C-alpha atoms as a PDB file:
ATOM      1  CA  UNK A   1     113.561 109.453 121.794  1.00  0.00           C
ATOM      2  CA  UNK A   2     112.817 112.826 120.177  1.00  0.00           C
ATOM      3  CA  UNK A   3     110.279 113.014 117.349  1.00  0.00           C
ATOM      4  CA  UNK A   4     112.949 114.055 114.820  1.00  0.00           C
ATOM      5  CA  UNK A   5     115.194 111.211 115.829  1.00  0.00           C
ATOM      6  CA  UNK A   6     112.310 108.744 115.691  1.00  0.00           C
ATOM      7  CA  UNK A   7     111.383 109.883 112.173  1.00  0.00           C
ATOM      8  CA  UNK A   8     115.024 109.549 111.124  1.00  0.00           C
ATOM      9  CA  UNK A   9     114.999 105.985 112.436  1.00  0.00           C
ATOM     10  CA  UNK A  10     111.815 105.244 110.488  1.00  0.00           C
ATOM     11  CA  UNK A  11     113.326 106.777 107.337  1.00  0.00           C
ATOM     12  CA  UNK A  12     116.353 104.505 107.626  1.00  0.00           C
ATOM     13  CA  UNK A  13     114.067 101.562 108.360  1.00  0.00           C
ATOM     14  CA  UNK A  14     112.046 102.319 105.215  1.00  0.00           C
ATOM     15  CA  UNK A  15     115.221 102.063 103.154  1.00  0.00           C
ATOM     16  CA  UNK A  16     116.274  98.852 104.914  1.00  0.00           C
ATOM     17  CA  UNK A  17     112.947  96.997 104.897  1.00  0.00           C
ATOM     18  CA  UNK A  18     111.655  98.164 101.533  1.00  0.00           C
ATOM     19  CA  UNK A  19     114.617  98.476  99.166  1.00  0.00           C
ATOM     20  CA  UNK A  20     114.308  99.282  95.491  1.00  0.00           C
ATOM     21  CA  UNK A  21     112.948  95.845  94.635  1.00  0.00           C
ATOM     22  CA  UNK A  22     110.620  94.363  97.280  1.00  0.00           C
ATOM     23  CA  UNK A  23     111.110  90.761  96.300  1.00  0.00           C
ATOM     24  CA  UNK A  24     113.747  88.075  96.658  1.00  0.00           C
ATOM     25  CA  UNK A  25     115.198  85.501  94.282  1.00  0.00           C
ATOM     26  CA  UNK A  26     118.673  83.997  94.389  1.00  0.00           C
ATOM     27  CA  UNK A  27     120.213  85.597  97.464  1.00  0.00           C
ATOM     28  CA  UNK A  28     122.077  88.017  97.653  1.00  0.00           C
ATOM     29  CA  UNK A  29     119.989  89.570  94.871  1.00  0.00           C
ATOM     30  CA  UNK A  30     116.966  91.641  95.891  1.00  0.00           C
ATOM     31  CA  UNK A  31     115.115  91.421  92.581  1.00  0.00           C
ATOM     32  CA  UNK A  32     113.185  88.247  91.890  1.00  0.00           C
ATOM     33  CA  UNK A  33     113.211  85.803  88.996  1.00  0.00           C
ATOM     34  CA  UNK A  34     110.519  83.499  87.631  1.00  0.00           C
ATOM     35  CA  UNK A  35     112.034  80.306  89.076  1.00  0.00           C
ATOM     36  CA  UNK A  36     109.665  78.194  91.199  1.00  0.00           C
ATOM     37  CA  UNK A  37     110.415  75.173  93.394  1.00  0.00           C
ATOM     38  CA  UNK A  38     108.037  72.663  91.816  1.00  0.00           C
ATOM     39  CA  UNK A  39     105.029  70.950  93.375  1.00  0.00           C
ATOM     40  CA  UNK A  40     105.712  69.541  96.851  1.00  0.00           C
ATOM     41  CA  UNK A  41     109.280  70.878  97.056  1.00  0.00           C
ATOM     42  CA  UNK A  42     110.615  73.109  99.833  1.00  0.00           C
ATOM     43  CA  UNK A  43     113.375  75.684 100.136  1.00  0.00           C
ATOM     44  CA  UNK A  44     114.722  77.146 103.385  1.00  0.00           C
ATOM     45  CA  UNK A  45     116.913  80.232 103.202  1.00  0.00           C
ATOM     46  CA  UNK A  46     118.733  81.421 106.346  1.00  0.00           C
ATOM     47  CA  UNK A  47     120.277  84.823 105.734  1.00  0.00           C
ATOM     48  CA  UNK A  48     122.048  87.630 107.557  1.00  0.00           C
ATOM     49  CA  UNK A  49     122.150  91.271 106.469  1.00  0.00           C
ATOM     50  CA  UNK A  50     124.100  94.201 107.899  1.00  0.00           C
ATOM     51  CA  UNK A  51     123.125  97.764 106.871  1.00  0.00           C
ATOM     52  CA  UNK A  52     125.042 100.950 107.588  1.00  0.00           C
ATOM     53  CA  UNK A  53     123.695 104.433 106.886  1.00  0.00           C
ATOM     54  CA  UNK A  54     124.896 107.918 107.859  1.00  0.00           C
ATOM     55  CA  UNK A  55     122.352 110.663 107.248  1.00  0.00           C
ATOM     56  CA  UNK A  56     123.243 114.205 108.340  1.00  0.00           C
ATOM     57  CA  UNK A  57     125.194 113.024 111.387  1.00  0.00           C
ATOM     58  CA  UNK A  58     122.717 110.327 112.399  1.00  0.00           C
ATOM     59  CA  UNK A  59     124.265 106.882 111.984  1.00  0.00           C
ATOM     60  CA  UNK A  60     121.957 103.893 111.772  1.00  0.00           C
ATOM     61  CA  UNK A  61     123.237 100.317 111.845  1.00  0.00           C
ATOM     62  CA  UNK A  62     120.890  97.381 111.425  1.00  0.00           C
ATOM     63  CA  UNK A  63     121.512  93.651 111.615  1.00  0.00           C
ATOM     64  CA  UNK A  64     118.796  91.406 110.225  1.00  0.00           C
ATOM     65  CA  UNK A  65     118.887  87.614 110.452  1.00  0.00           C
ATOM     66  CA  UNK A  66     115.974  86.189 108.498  1.00  0.00           C
ATOM     67  CA  UNK A  67     114.396  82.848 107.676  1.00  0.00           C
ATOM     68  CA  UNK A  68     112.565  82.489 104.373  1.00  0.00           C
ATOM     69  CA  UNK A  69     110.432  79.407 103.736  1.00  0.00           C
ATOM     70  CA  UNK A  70     109.265  78.564 100.207  1.00  0.00           C
ATOM     71  CA  UNK A  71     106.917  75.709  99.294  1.00  0.00           C
ATOM     72  CA  UNK A  72     105.758  74.635  95.848  1.00  0.00           C
ATOM     73  CA  UNK A  73     101.962  74.439  95.832  1.00  0.00           C
ATOM     74  CA  UNK A  74     102.043  73.614  92.108  1.00  0.00           C
ATOM     75  CA  UNK A  75     104.869  73.390  89.592  1.00  0.00           C
ATOM     76  CA  UNK A  76     104.474  77.073  88.618  1.00  0.00           C
ATOM     77  CA  UNK A  77     103.149  78.355  91.999  1.00  0.00           C
ATOM     78  CA  UNK A  78     105.088  78.981  95.234  1.00  0.00           C
ATOM     79  CA  UNK A  79     104.023  80.288  98.633  1.00  0.00           C
ATOM     80  CA  UNK A  80     106.743  82.216 100.487  1.00  0.00           C
ATOM     81  CA  UNK A  81     106.983  83.206 104.160  1.00  0.00           C
ATOM     82  CA  UNK A  82     109.665  85.658 105.356  1.00  0.00           C
ATOM     83  CA  UNK A  83     110.373  86.037 109.097  1.00  0.00           C
ATOM     84  CA  UNK A  84     112.988  88.692 109.999  1.00  0.00           C
ATOM     85  CA  UNK A  85     114.528  89.673 113.320  1.00  0.00           C
ATOM     86  CA  UNK A  86     115.993  93.164 113.681  1.00  0.00           C
ATOM     87  CA  UNK A  87     118.801  94.672 115.756  1.00  0.00           C
ATOM     88  CA  UNK A  88     118.864  98.452 115.224  1.00  0.00           C
ATOM     89  CA  UNK A  89     121.395 100.894 116.672  1.00  0.00           C
ATOM     90  CA  UNK A  90     121.214 104.632 116.070  1.00  0.00           C
ATOM     91  CA  UNK A  91     123.849 107.171 117.144  1.00  0.00           C
ATOM     92  CA  UNK A  92     123.414 110.952 117.178  1.00  0.00           C
ATOM     93  CA  UNK A  93     125.533 113.576 118.963  1.00  0.00           C
ATOM     94  CA  UNK A  94     127.284 110.880 120.989  1.00  0.00           C
ATOM     95  CA  UNK A  95     124.046 109.304 122.217  1.00  0.00           C
ATOM     96  CA  UNK A  96     123.152 105.757 121.180  1.00  0.00           C
ATOM     97  CA  UNK A  97     119.811 103.968 121.240  1.00  0.00           C
ATOM     98  CA  UNK A  98     119.285 100.247 120.641  1.00  0.00           C
ATOM     99  CA  UNK A  99     116.180  98.270 119.757  1.00  0.00           C
ATOM    100  CA  UNK A 100     115.656  94.676 118.728  1.00  0.00           C
ATOM    101  CA  UNK A 101     112.792  92.305 118.072  1.00  0.00           C
ATOM    102  CA  UNK A 102     110.899  90.469 115.389  1.00  0.00           C
ATOM    103  CA  UNK A 103     110.175  92.524 112.289  1.00  0.00           C
ATOM    104  CA  UNK A 104     107.143  92.540 110.029  1.00  0.00           C
ATOM    105  CA  UNK A 105     106.393  89.115 108.537  1.00  0.00           C
ATOM    106  CA  UNK A 106     105.680  88.876 104.794  1.00  0.00           C
ATOM    107  CA  UNK A 107     103.579  86.264 102.980  1.00  0.00           C
ATOM    108  CA  UNK A 108     103.796  86.040  99.179  1.00  0.00           C
ATOM    109  CA  UNK A 109     102.626  83.955  96.252  1.00  0.00           C
ATOM    110  CA  UNK A 110     104.690  83.651  93.071  1.00  0.00           C
ATOM    111  CA  UNK A 111     102.953  82.390  89.943  1.00  0.00           C
ATOM    112  CA  UNK A 112     104.901  81.754  86.743  1.00  0.00           C
ATOM    113  CA  UNK A 113     102.100  82.067  84.214  1.00  0.00           C
ATOM    114  CA  UNK A 114     104.175  81.901  81.025  1.00  0.00           C
ATOM    115  CA  UNK A 115     107.232  79.880  80.013  1.00  0.00           C
ATOM    116  CA  UNK A 116     109.185  76.932  81.411  1.00  0.00           C
ATOM    117  CA  UNK A 117     112.402  76.644  83.418  1.00  0.00           C
ATOM    118  CA  UNK A 118     115.628  77.035  81.356  1.00  0.00           C
ATOM    119  CA  UNK A 119     113.561  77.505  78.182  1.00  0.00           C
ATOM    120  CA  UNK A 120     113.905  81.159  77.316  1.00  0.00           C
ATOM    121  CA  UNK A 121     111.393  83.884  78.094  1.00  0.00           C
ATOM    122  CA  UNK A 122     109.188  83.573  81.192  1.00  0.00           C
ATOM    123  CA  UNK A 123     106.752  85.816  83.074  1.00  0.00           C
ATOM    124  CA  UNK A 124     105.531  85.711  86.668  1.00  0.00           C
ATOM    125  CA  UNK A 125     103.495  87.788  89.104  1.00  0.00           C
ATOM    126  CA  UNK A 126     104.083  87.992  92.858  1.00  0.00           C
ATOM    127  CA  UNK A 127     101.478  89.545  95.190  1.00  0.00           C
ATOM    128  CA  UNK A 128     102.420  89.957  98.857  1.00  0.00           C
ATOM    129  CA  UNK A 129     101.063  91.109 102.203  1.00  0.00           C
ATOM    130  CA  UNK A 130     103.268  92.275 105.074  1.00  0.00           C
ATOM    131  CA  UNK A 131     101.789  91.820 108.543  1.00  0.00           C
ATOM    132  CA  UNK A 132     102.476  94.316 111.385  1.00  0.00           C
ATOM    133  CA  UNK A 133     104.251  91.866 113.694  1.00  0.00           C
ATOM    134  CA  UNK A 134     107.088  94.308 114.491  1.00  0.00           C
ATOM    135  CA  UNK A 135     106.807  96.954 117.205  1.00  0.00           C
ATOM    136  CA  UNK A 136     106.356 100.258 115.333  1.00  0.00           C
ATOM    137  CA  UNK A 137     107.021 102.269 118.504  1.00  0.00           C
ATOM    138  CA  UNK A 138     110.563 100.824 118.536  1.00  0.00           C
ATOM    139  CA  UNK A 139     111.078 101.294 114.805  1.00  0.00           C
ATOM    140  CA  UNK A 140     110.825  97.551 114.131  1.00  0.00           C
ATOM    141  CA  UNK A 141     107.755  97.636 111.917  1.00  0.00           C
ATOM    142  CA  UNK A 142     105.183  99.839 110.262  1.00  0.00           C
ATOM    143  CA  UNK A 143     102.091  99.242 112.381  1.00  0.00           C
ATOM    144  CA  UNK A 144      99.716  98.251 109.568  1.00  0.00           C
ATOM    145  CA  UNK A 145      99.503  95.732 106.775  1.00  0.00           C
ATOM    146  CA  UNK A 146     101.385  96.623 103.597  1.00  0.00           C
ATOM    147  CA  UNK A 147     100.357  95.251 100.207  1.00  0.00           C
ATOM    148  CA  UNK A 148     102.675  94.707  97.281  1.00  0.00           C
ATOM    149  CA  UNK A 149     102.792  93.274  93.800  1.00  0.00           C
ATOM    150  CA  UNK A 150     105.785  92.548  91.579  1.00  0.00           C
ATOM    151  CA  UNK A 151     105.768  91.777  87.872  1.00  0.00           C
ATOM    152  CA  UNK A 152     108.717  89.595  86.874  1.00  0.00           C
ATOM    153  CA  UNK A 153     110.238  88.771  83.506  1.00  0.00           C
ATOM    154  CA  UNK A 154     113.160  86.372  83.067  1.00  0.00           C
ATOM    155  CA  UNK A 155     115.136  84.992  80.152  1.00  0.00           C
ATOM    156  CA  UNK A 156     116.901  81.805  81.184  1.00  0.00           C
ATOM    157  CA  UNK A 157     119.428  79.376  79.814  1.00  0.00           C
ATOM    158  CA  UNK A 158     121.290  76.596  81.626  1.00  0.00           C
ATOM    159  CA  UNK A 159     124.304  78.767  82.534  1.00  0.00           C
ATOM    160  CA  UNK A 160     122.817  82.269  82.763  1.00  0.00           C
ATOM    161  CA  UNK A 161     119.682  84.162  83.711  1.00  0.00           C
ATOM    162  CA  UNK A 162     118.544  87.771  83.244  1.00  0.00           C
ATOM    163  CA  UNK A 163     115.521  89.198  85.064  1.00  0.00           C
ATOM    164  CA  UNK A 164     113.592  92.476  85.168  1.00  0.00           C
ATOM    165  CA  UNK A 165     111.209  93.525  87.966  1.00  0.00           C
ATOM    166  CA  UNK A 166     108.555  96.200  88.292  1.00  0.00           C
ATOM    167  CA  UNK A 167     107.083  96.496  91.770  1.00  0.00           C
ATOM    168  CA  UNK A 168     104.501  98.478  93.727  1.00  0.00           C
ATOM    169  CA  UNK A 169     104.025  98.692  97.505  1.00  0.00           C
ATOM    170  CA  UNK A 170     101.126 100.312  99.375  1.00  0.00           C
ATOM    171  CA  UNK A 171     101.659 101.071 103.069  1.00  0.00           C
ATOM    172  CA  UNK A 172      99.456 103.340 105.220  1.00  0.00           C
ATOM    173  CA  UNK A 173     101.669 103.064 108.356  1.00  0.00           C
ATOM    174  CA  UNK A 174     100.346 102.709 111.893  1.00  0.00           C
ATOM    175  CA  UNK A 175     101.437 105.994 113.482  1.00  0.00           C
ATOM    176  CA  UNK A 176     100.048 109.373 112.462  1.00  0.00           C
ATOM    177  CA  UNK A 177     103.548 110.897 112.512  1.00  0.00           C
ATOM    178  CA  UNK A 178     104.638 108.370 109.881  1.00  0.00           C
ATOM    179  CA  UNK A 179     101.539 108.895 107.746  1.00  0.00           C
ATOM    180  CA  UNK A 180     102.330 112.617 107.731  1.00  0.00           C
ATOM    181  CA  UNK A 181     106.004 112.061 106.853  1.00  0.00           C
ATOM    182  CA  UNK A 182     105.838 109.276 104.248  1.00  0.00           C
ATOM    183  CA  UNK A 183     103.978 108.545 101.042  1.00  0.00           C
ATOM    184  CA  UNK A 184     101.795 105.425 101.092  1.00  0.00           C
ATOM    185  CA  UNK A 185     102.810 104.306  97.577  1.00  0.00           C
ATOM    186  CA  UNK A 186     106.284 103.212  96.502  1.00  0.00           C
ATOM    187  CA  UNK A 187     107.233 102.106  92.970  1.00  0.00           C
ATOM    188  CA  UNK A 188     110.353 100.121  92.161  1.00  0.00           C
ATOM    189  CA  UNK A 189     112.234  98.635  89.219  1.00  0.00           C
ATOM    190  CA  UNK A 190     115.359  96.518  88.875  1.00  0.00           C
ATOM    191  CA  UNK A 191     117.454  94.535  86.409  1.00  0.00           C
ATOM    192  CA  UNK A 192     119.544  91.532  87.510  1.00  0.00           C
ATOM    193  CA  UNK A 193     121.789  88.884  86.006  1.00  0.00           C
ATOM    194  CA  UNK A 194     123.305  85.550  87.039  1.00  0.00           C
ATOM    195  CA  UNK A 195     126.164  83.818  85.211  1.00  0.00           C
ATOM    196  CA  UNK A 196     127.911  80.527  86.025  1.00  0.00           C
ATOM    197  CA  UNK A 197     131.526  81.775  85.913  1.00  0.00           C
ATOM    198  CA  UNK A 198     133.086  78.405  86.619  1.00  0.00           C
ATOM    199  CA  UNK A 199     131.476  75.100  87.566  1.00  0.00           C
ATOM    200  CA  UNK A 200     129.265  75.581  90.661  1.00  0.00           C
ATOM    201  CA  UNK A 201     130.273  79.249  91.099  1.00  0.00           C
ATOM    202  CA  UNK A 202     127.867  81.957  89.964  1.00  0.00           C
ATOM    203  CA  UNK A 203     128.474  85.690  89.698  1.00  0.00           C
ATOM    204  CA  UNK A 204     125.339  87.764  90.305  1.00  0.00           C
ATOM    205  CA  UNK A 205     124.621  91.469  90.004  1.00  0.00           C
ATOM    206  CA  UNK A 206     121.809  93.985  89.752  1.00  0.00           C
ATOM    207  CA  UNK A 207     120.844  97.638  89.656  1.00  0.00           C
ATOM    208  CA  UNK A 208     117.629  98.922  91.194  1.00  0.00           C
ATOM    209  CA  UNK A 209     115.676 102.080  91.899  1.00  0.00           C
ATOM    210  CA  UNK A 210     112.543 103.029  93.825  1.00  0.00           C
ATOM    211  CA  UNK A 211     110.527 106.147  94.490  1.00  0.00           C
ATOM    212  CA  UNK A 212     111.315 107.968  97.716  1.00  0.00           C
ATOM    213  CA  UNK A 213     108.732 107.345 100.485  1.00  0.00           C
ATOM    214  CA  UNK A 214     109.618 110.644 102.210  1.00  0.00           C
ATOM    215  CA  UNK A 215     107.258 113.526 101.388  1.00  0.00           C
ATOM    216  CA  UNK A 216     110.176 115.964 101.694  1.00  0.00           C
ATOM    217  CA  UNK A 217     112.243 114.512  98.845  1.00  0.00           C
ATOM    218  CA  UNK A 218     111.708 113.330  95.284  1.00  0.00           C
ATOM    219  CA  UNK A 219     115.214 111.874  94.986  1.00  0.00           C
ATOM    220  CA  UNK A 220     114.846 108.165  94.215  1.00  0.00           C
ATOM    221  CA  UNK A 221     116.556 105.385  96.163  1.00  0.00           C
ATOM    222  CA  UNK A 222     119.020 103.709  93.799  1.00  0.00           C
ATOM    223  CA  UNK A 223     121.555 100.938  94.395  1.00  0.00           C
ATOM    224  CA  UNK A 224     123.960  98.538  92.778  1.00  0.00           C
ATOM    225  CA  UNK A 225     124.408  95.037  94.177  1.00  0.00           C
ATOM    226  CA  UNK A 226     126.785  92.168  93.432  1.00  0.00           C
ATOM    227  CA  UNK A 227     127.991  88.888  94.845  1.00  0.00           C
ATOM    228  CA  UNK A 228     128.708  85.200  94.447  1.00  0.00           C
ATOM    229  CA  UNK A 229     126.691  81.996  94.837  1.00  0.00           C
ATOM    230  CA  UNK A 230     128.494  78.696  95.367  1.00  0.00           C
ATOM    231  CA  UNK A 231     126.677  75.390  94.864  1.00  0.00           C
ATOM    232  CA  UNK A 232     128.062  73.376  97.765  1.00  0.00           C
ATOM    233  CA  UNK A 233     125.878  70.430  96.718  1.00  0.00           C
ATOM    234  CA  UNK A 234     122.945  69.999  94.356  1.00  0.00           C
ATOM    235  CA  UNK A 235     120.583  71.166  97.106  1.00  0.00           C
ATOM    236  CA  UNK A 236     122.731  73.518  99.216  1.00  0.00           C
ATOM    237  CA  UNK A 237     123.947  76.990  98.184  1.00  0.00           C
ATOM    238  CA  UNK A 238     126.218  79.452  99.984  1.00  0.00           C
ATOM    239  CA  UNK A 239     126.320  83.121  99.011  1.00  0.00           C
ATOM    240  CA  UNK A 240     127.743  86.525  99.885  1.00  0.00           C
ATOM    241  CA  UNK A 241     126.860  89.976  98.573  1.00  0.00           C
ATOM    242  CA  UNK A 242     127.617  93.691  98.806  1.00  0.00           C
ATOM    243  CA  UNK A 243     125.092  96.444  98.019  1.00  0.00           C
ATOM    244  CA  UNK A 244     126.038 100.105  97.589  1.00  0.00           C
ATOM    245  CA  UNK A 245     123.665 103.070  97.645  1.00  0.00           C
ATOM    246  CA  UNK A 246     123.941 105.295  94.563  1.00  0.00           C
ATOM    247  CA  UNK A 247     121.799 108.172  95.873  1.00  0.00           C
ATOM    248  CA  UNK A 248     121.774 109.948  99.243  1.00  0.00           C
ATOM    249  CA  UNK A 249     118.400 108.572 100.467  1.00  0.00           C
ATOM    250  CA  UNK A 250     119.515 104.965  99.851  1.00  0.00           C
ATOM    251  CA  UNK A 251     121.271 102.955 102.558  1.00  0.00           C
ATOM    252  CA  UNK A 252     125.021 103.633 102.281  1.00  0.00           C
ATOM    253  CA  UNK A 253     126.041  99.971 102.093  1.00  0.00           C
ATOM    254  CA  UNK A 254     124.863  96.469 102.925  1.00  0.00           C
ATOM    255  CA  UNK A 255     126.786  93.233 103.464  1.00  0.00           C
ATOM    256  CA  UNK A 256     124.813  89.993 103.333  1.00  0.00           C
ATOM    257  CA  UNK A 257     125.183  86.230 103.229  1.00  0.00           C
ATOM    258  CA  UNK A 258     122.946  83.161 103.275  1.00  0.00           C
ATOM    259  CA  UNK A 259     122.695  79.390 103.334  1.00  0.00           C
ATOM    260  CA  UNK A 260     119.946  77.952 101.126  1.00  0.00           C
ATOM    261  CA  UNK A 261     118.720  74.349 101.433  1.00  0.00           C
ATOM    262  CA  UNK A 262     116.243  72.639  99.080  1.00  0.00           C
ATOM    263  CA  UNK A 263     114.483  69.310  99.556  1.00  0.00           C
END
């Protein structure tokens, strides 16, 4: 793989792995809310995400099944483990390359330090560390630990929820070529909403933006995202979502879906 093509793959991967809001709440939203599971309770989210991006004749397609495990250490404190697997295909001038493997694993804590569930204004903080479990030489990871923190504010009622996120990610990358091409610091912000449209069916949406990691561009990565969540039972949710890139550096579009189980 040529150096230019490899850097293009990494650029697309940056957009895919670190979107405008590096946190996750009610899938398919990317921005987080202040909701926690409660002490001793567990949530398992099994999701699938397909990304498509065409950048100056280089088409990148990525499929990402992921398992996210959340456990309530205390009523207002969750620990979250995200384990992705990546299938990446890149096509340029009629030539196609394929790579697949486990991606970088992320461990987070979410602490709601103000407010109570369904009782108005709440605040939370979510620090995270991403471990270099993906193969950076194949474009499946970043080669070094990345550290993030997200500040979360939510206003919640029984049938609706609005959240705002402000996030920061620090990533030094493992390869010198990437350290030369990308900024180590990325800022992000997003605003999301969830409304119970009819019984058991929620409409969700968000807008988000982040600074561009590429040293050659100051154009931010911006997106709009929307979808539906259906409460199959009290403890099982099904969802589907569509995300559209609003600026050229952002991934063109993403289709995602998930099954979430709580117990």
